[in-house]
Amino acid sequence: MIEIGRLDRRISIESLSEAEDIYGQDTGDWSLFCRVWANVKPVNVREQVQAMAMTGNVTHTIAIRYRASLSDPKVVAAMRVKYGSRIFNIVGCRDHEEAHRFLILACVEGSVDGK
């Protein structure tokens, strides 16, 4: 069970903007989707070995309060988390205990696109 008091880190969840430059090309910029309180937790070695079998190289799990707008794993996997100067690419999410109280984001630290 996750305790609400453990959501003690302020993070930004960002999505790729659909803005275009003057030539009609996608700018590829990230824009703020929402700012939420979270629990940012490094994955321990055992969890990492299990996660590598499923997703590659999950380095952190980030717990946030449930938001319907973030409950679709396909939509969330195209987003990223910004925590201070750190970037976490979201590789998956799940509804903790299917209770619609918390979402757990499986993340890989480091920007893929260099931004």
C-alpha atoms as a PDB file:
ATOM      1  CA  MET A   1       0.000   0.000   0.000  1.00  0.00           C
ATOM      2  CA  ILE A   2       1.252   3.452  -0.876  1.00  0.00           C
ATOM      3  CA  GLU A   3       0.895   6.176   1.721  1.00  0.00           C
ATOM      4  CA  ILE A   4      -0.158   9.582   0.426  1.00  0.00           C
ATOM      5  CA  GLY A   5       2.493  11.239   2.620  1.00  0.00           C
ATOM      6  CA  ARG A   6       5.235   9.502   0.630  1.00  0.00           C
ATOM      7  CA  LEU A   7       4.338  11.540  -2.461  1.00  0.00           C
ATOM      8  CA  ASP A   8       6.862  14.191  -1.461  1.00  0.00           C
ATOM      9  CA  ARG A   9       8.564  15.107  -4.740  1.00  0.00           C
ATOM     10  CA  ARG A  10       7.179  17.634  -7.217  1.00  0.00           C
ATOM     11  CA  ILE A  11       7.503  16.402 -10.799  1.00  0.00           C
ATOM     12  CA  SER A  12       6.382  17.563 -14.221  1.00  0.00           C
ATOM     13  CA  ILE A  13       4.902  15.167 -16.731  1.00  0.00           C
ATOM     14  CA  GLU A  14       5.569  16.329 -20.257  1.00  0.00           C
ATOM     15  CA  SER A  15       4.203  15.346 -23.649  1.00  0.00           C
ATOM     16  CA  LEU A  16       5.494  16.041 -27.123  1.00  0.00           C
ATOM     17  CA  SER A  17       3.880  19.197 -28.417  1.00  0.00           C
ATOM     18  CA  GLU A  18       2.163  19.127 -31.754  1.00  0.00           C
ATOM     19  CA  ALA A  19       3.549  22.524 -32.720  1.00  0.00           C
ATOM     20  CA  GLU A  20       4.963  23.060 -36.184  1.00  0.00           C
ATOM     21  CA  ASP A  21       7.643  25.429 -37.370  1.00  0.00           C
ATOM     22  CA  ILE A  22       7.149  27.833 -40.288  1.00  0.00           C
ATOM     23  CA  TYR A  23       7.927  24.999 -42.731  1.00  0.00           C
ATOM     24  CA  GLY A  24       5.222  22.723 -41.321  1.00  0.00           C
ATOM     25  CA  GLN A  25       7.714  20.407 -39.626  1.00  0.00           C
ATOM     26  CA  ASP A  26       7.027  19.044 -36.141  1.00  0.00           C
ATOM     27  CA  THR A  27       9.197  20.959 -33.646  1.00  0.00           C
ATOM     28  CA  GLY A  28       9.672  17.941 -31.380  1.00  0.00           C
ATOM     29  CA  ASP A  29       9.465  20.131 -28.282  1.00  0.00           C
ATOM     30  CA  TRP A  30       8.167  18.903 -24.939  1.00  0.00           C
ATOM     31  CA  SER A  31       5.365  20.775 -23.200  1.00  0.00           C
ATOM     32  CA  LEU A  32       3.962  20.544 -19.701  1.00  0.00           C
ATOM     33  CA  PHE A  33       1.077  18.087 -19.411  1.00  0.00           C
ATOM     34  CA  CYS A  34       0.672  18.318 -15.630  1.00  0.00           C
ATOM     35  CA  ARG A  35       2.576  18.917 -12.399  1.00  0.00           C
ATOM     36  CA  VAL A  36       1.982  16.384  -9.625  1.00  0.00           C
ATOM     37  CA  TRP A  37       3.353  15.138  -6.322  1.00  0.00           C
ATOM     38  CA  ALA A  38       5.184  11.833  -6.593  1.00  0.00           C
ATOM     39  CA  ASN A  39       7.355   9.233  -4.945  1.00  0.00           C
ATOM     40  CA  VAL A  40      10.508   8.698  -7.016  1.00  0.00           C
ATOM     41  CA  LYS A  41      12.135   5.387  -6.161  1.00  0.00           C
ATOM     42  CA  PRO A  42      15.221   3.793  -7.705  1.00  0.00           C
ATOM     43  CA  VAL A  43      14.638   0.174  -8.671  1.00  0.00           C
ATOM     44  CA  ASN A  44      16.700  -2.241  -6.600  1.00  0.00           C
ATOM     45  CA  VAL A  45      18.893  -4.865  -8.268  1.00  0.00           C
ATOM     46  CA  ARG A  46      16.377  -7.711  -7.976  1.00  0.00           C
ATOM     47  CA  GLU A  47      13.547  -5.592  -9.356  1.00  0.00           C
ATOM     48  CA  GLN A  48      15.827  -4.385 -12.149  1.00  0.00           C
ATOM     49  CA  VAL A  49      16.665  -7.938 -13.236  1.00  0.00           C
ATOM     50  CA  GLN A  50      12.941  -8.768 -13.350  1.00  0.00           C
ATOM     51  CA  ALA A  51      12.122  -5.529 -15.175  1.00  0.00           C
ATOM     52  CA  MET A  52      14.857  -6.069 -17.757  1.00  0.00           C
ATOM     53  CA  ALA A  53      13.128  -9.247 -18.842  1.00  0.00           C
ATOM     54  CA  MET A  54       9.966  -7.262 -19.541  1.00  0.00           C
ATOM     55  CA  THR A  55      10.920  -3.761 -20.606  1.00  0.00           C
ATOM     56  CA  GLY A  56      14.649  -3.416 -21.084  1.00  0.00           C
ATOM     57  CA  ASN A  57      16.220  -1.265 -18.423  1.00  0.00           C
ATOM     58  CA  VAL A  58      13.774   0.235 -15.933  1.00  0.00           C
ATOM     59  CA  THR A  59      15.780   2.334 -13.474  1.00  0.00           C
ATOM     60  CA  HIS A  60      13.046   3.982 -11.380  1.00  0.00           C
ATOM     61  CA  THR A  61       9.418   3.652 -10.429  1.00  0.00           C
ATOM     62  CA  ILE A  62       7.432   6.815  -9.865  1.00  0.00           C
ATOM     63  CA  ALA A  63       4.157   6.669  -7.944  1.00  0.00           C
ATOM     64  CA  ILE A  64       1.561   9.404  -8.436  1.00  0.00           C
ATOM     65  CA  ARG A  65      -2.091   9.829  -7.529  1.00  0.00           C
ATOM     66  CA  TYR A  66      -4.445   8.290 -10.048  1.00  0.00           C
ATOM     67  CA  ARG A  67      -5.464  10.518 -12.955  1.00  0.00           C
ATOM     68  CA  ALA A  68      -7.829   9.226 -15.614  1.00  0.00           C
ATOM     69  CA  SER A  69      -5.929  11.236 -18.233  1.00  0.00           C
ATOM     70  CA  LEU A  70      -2.810   9.172 -17.462  1.00  0.00           C
ATOM     71  CA  SER A  71      -4.411   5.741 -17.159  1.00  0.00           C
ATOM     72  CA  ASP A  72      -3.863   4.633 -20.772  1.00  0.00           C
ATOM     73  CA  PRO A  73      -0.425   2.955 -20.910  1.00  0.00           C
ATOM     74  CA  LYS A  74      -0.001   3.684 -24.633  1.00  0.00           C
ATOM     75  CA  VAL A  75      -0.576   7.409 -24.132  1.00  0.00           C
ATOM     76  CA  VAL A  76       1.662   7.600 -21.060  1.00  0.00           C
ATOM     77  CA  ALA A  77       4.501   5.686 -22.761  1.00  0.00           C
ATOM     78  CA  ALA A  78       4.859   8.623 -25.166  1.00  0.00           C
ATOM     79  CA  MET A  79       5.440  11.022 -22.250  1.00  0.00           C
ATOM     80  CA  ARG A  80       8.336  11.755 -19.943  1.00  0.00           C
ATOM     81  CA  VAL A  81       8.891  12.932 -16.374  1.00  0.00           C
ATOM     82  CA  LYS A  82      11.038  15.894 -15.462  1.00  0.00           C
ATOM     83  CA  TYR A  83      12.281  15.971 -11.864  1.00  0.00           C
ATOM     84  CA  GLY A  84      14.557  18.942 -11.293  1.00  0.00           C
ATOM     85  CA  SER A  85      17.173  18.679 -14.024  1.00  0.00           C
ATOM     86  CA  ARG A  86      16.648  14.928 -14.417  1.00  0.00           C
ATOM     87  CA  ILE A  87      14.660  13.350 -17.250  1.00  0.00           C
ATOM     88  CA  PHE A  88      12.842  10.006 -16.975  1.00  0.00           C
ATOM     89  CA  ASN A  89      11.361   8.378 -20.065  1.00  0.00           C
ATOM     90  CA  ILE A  90       8.168   6.491 -19.215  1.00  0.00           C
ATOM     91  CA  VAL A  91       8.152   2.931 -20.545  1.00  0.00           C
ATOM     92  CA  GLY A  92       4.928   1.788 -18.904  1.00  0.00           C
ATOM     93  CA  CYS A  93       2.377   2.408 -16.203  1.00  0.00           C
ATOM     94  CA  ARG A  94      -0.033   0.427 -14.097  1.00  0.00           C
ATOM     95  CA  ASP A  95      -2.968   1.133 -11.823  1.00  0.00           C
ATOM     96  CA  HIS A  96      -1.679   0.114  -8.372  1.00  0.00           C
ATOM     97  CA  GLU A  97      -3.917  -2.697  -7.056  1.00  0.00           C
ATOM     98  CA  GLU A  98      -6.497  -1.711  -9.735  1.00  0.00           C
ATOM     99  CA  ALA A  99      -7.979   0.627  -7.114  1.00  0.00           C
ATOM    100  CA  HIS A 100      -7.843   3.911  -9.101  1.00  0.00           C
ATOM    101  CA  ARG A 101      -5.880   5.533  -6.281  1.00  0.00           C
ATOM    102  CA  PHE A 102      -2.295   5.475  -7.560  1.00  0.00           C
ATOM    103  CA  LEU A 103      -0.466   5.013 -10.842  1.00  0.00           C
ATOM    104  CA  ILE A 104       3.001   3.480 -10.947  1.00  0.00           C
ATOM    105  CA  LEU A 105       5.182   4.729 -13.793  1.00  0.00           C
ATOM    106  CA  ALA A 106       8.076   2.477 -14.881  1.00  0.00           C
ATOM    107  CA  CYS A 107      10.838   4.790 -16.088  1.00  0.00           C
ATOM    108  CA  VAL A 108      14.312   4.873 -17.577  1.00  0.00           C
ATOM    109  CA  GLU A 109      16.485   7.796 -16.533  1.00  0.00           C
ATOM    110  CA  GLY A 110      18.077   9.788 -19.318  1.00  0.00           C
ATOM    111  CA  SER A 111      16.725  11.699 -22.257  1.00  0.00           C
ATOM    112  CA  VAL A 112      16.395   9.697 -25.457  1.00  0.00           C
ATOM    113  CA  ASP A 113      16.005  12.716 -27.717  1.00  0.00           C
ATOM    114  CA  GLY A 114      18.785  14.828 -26.233  1.00  0.00           C
ATOM    115  CA  LYS A 115      16.442  17.592 -25.037  1.00  0.00           C
END
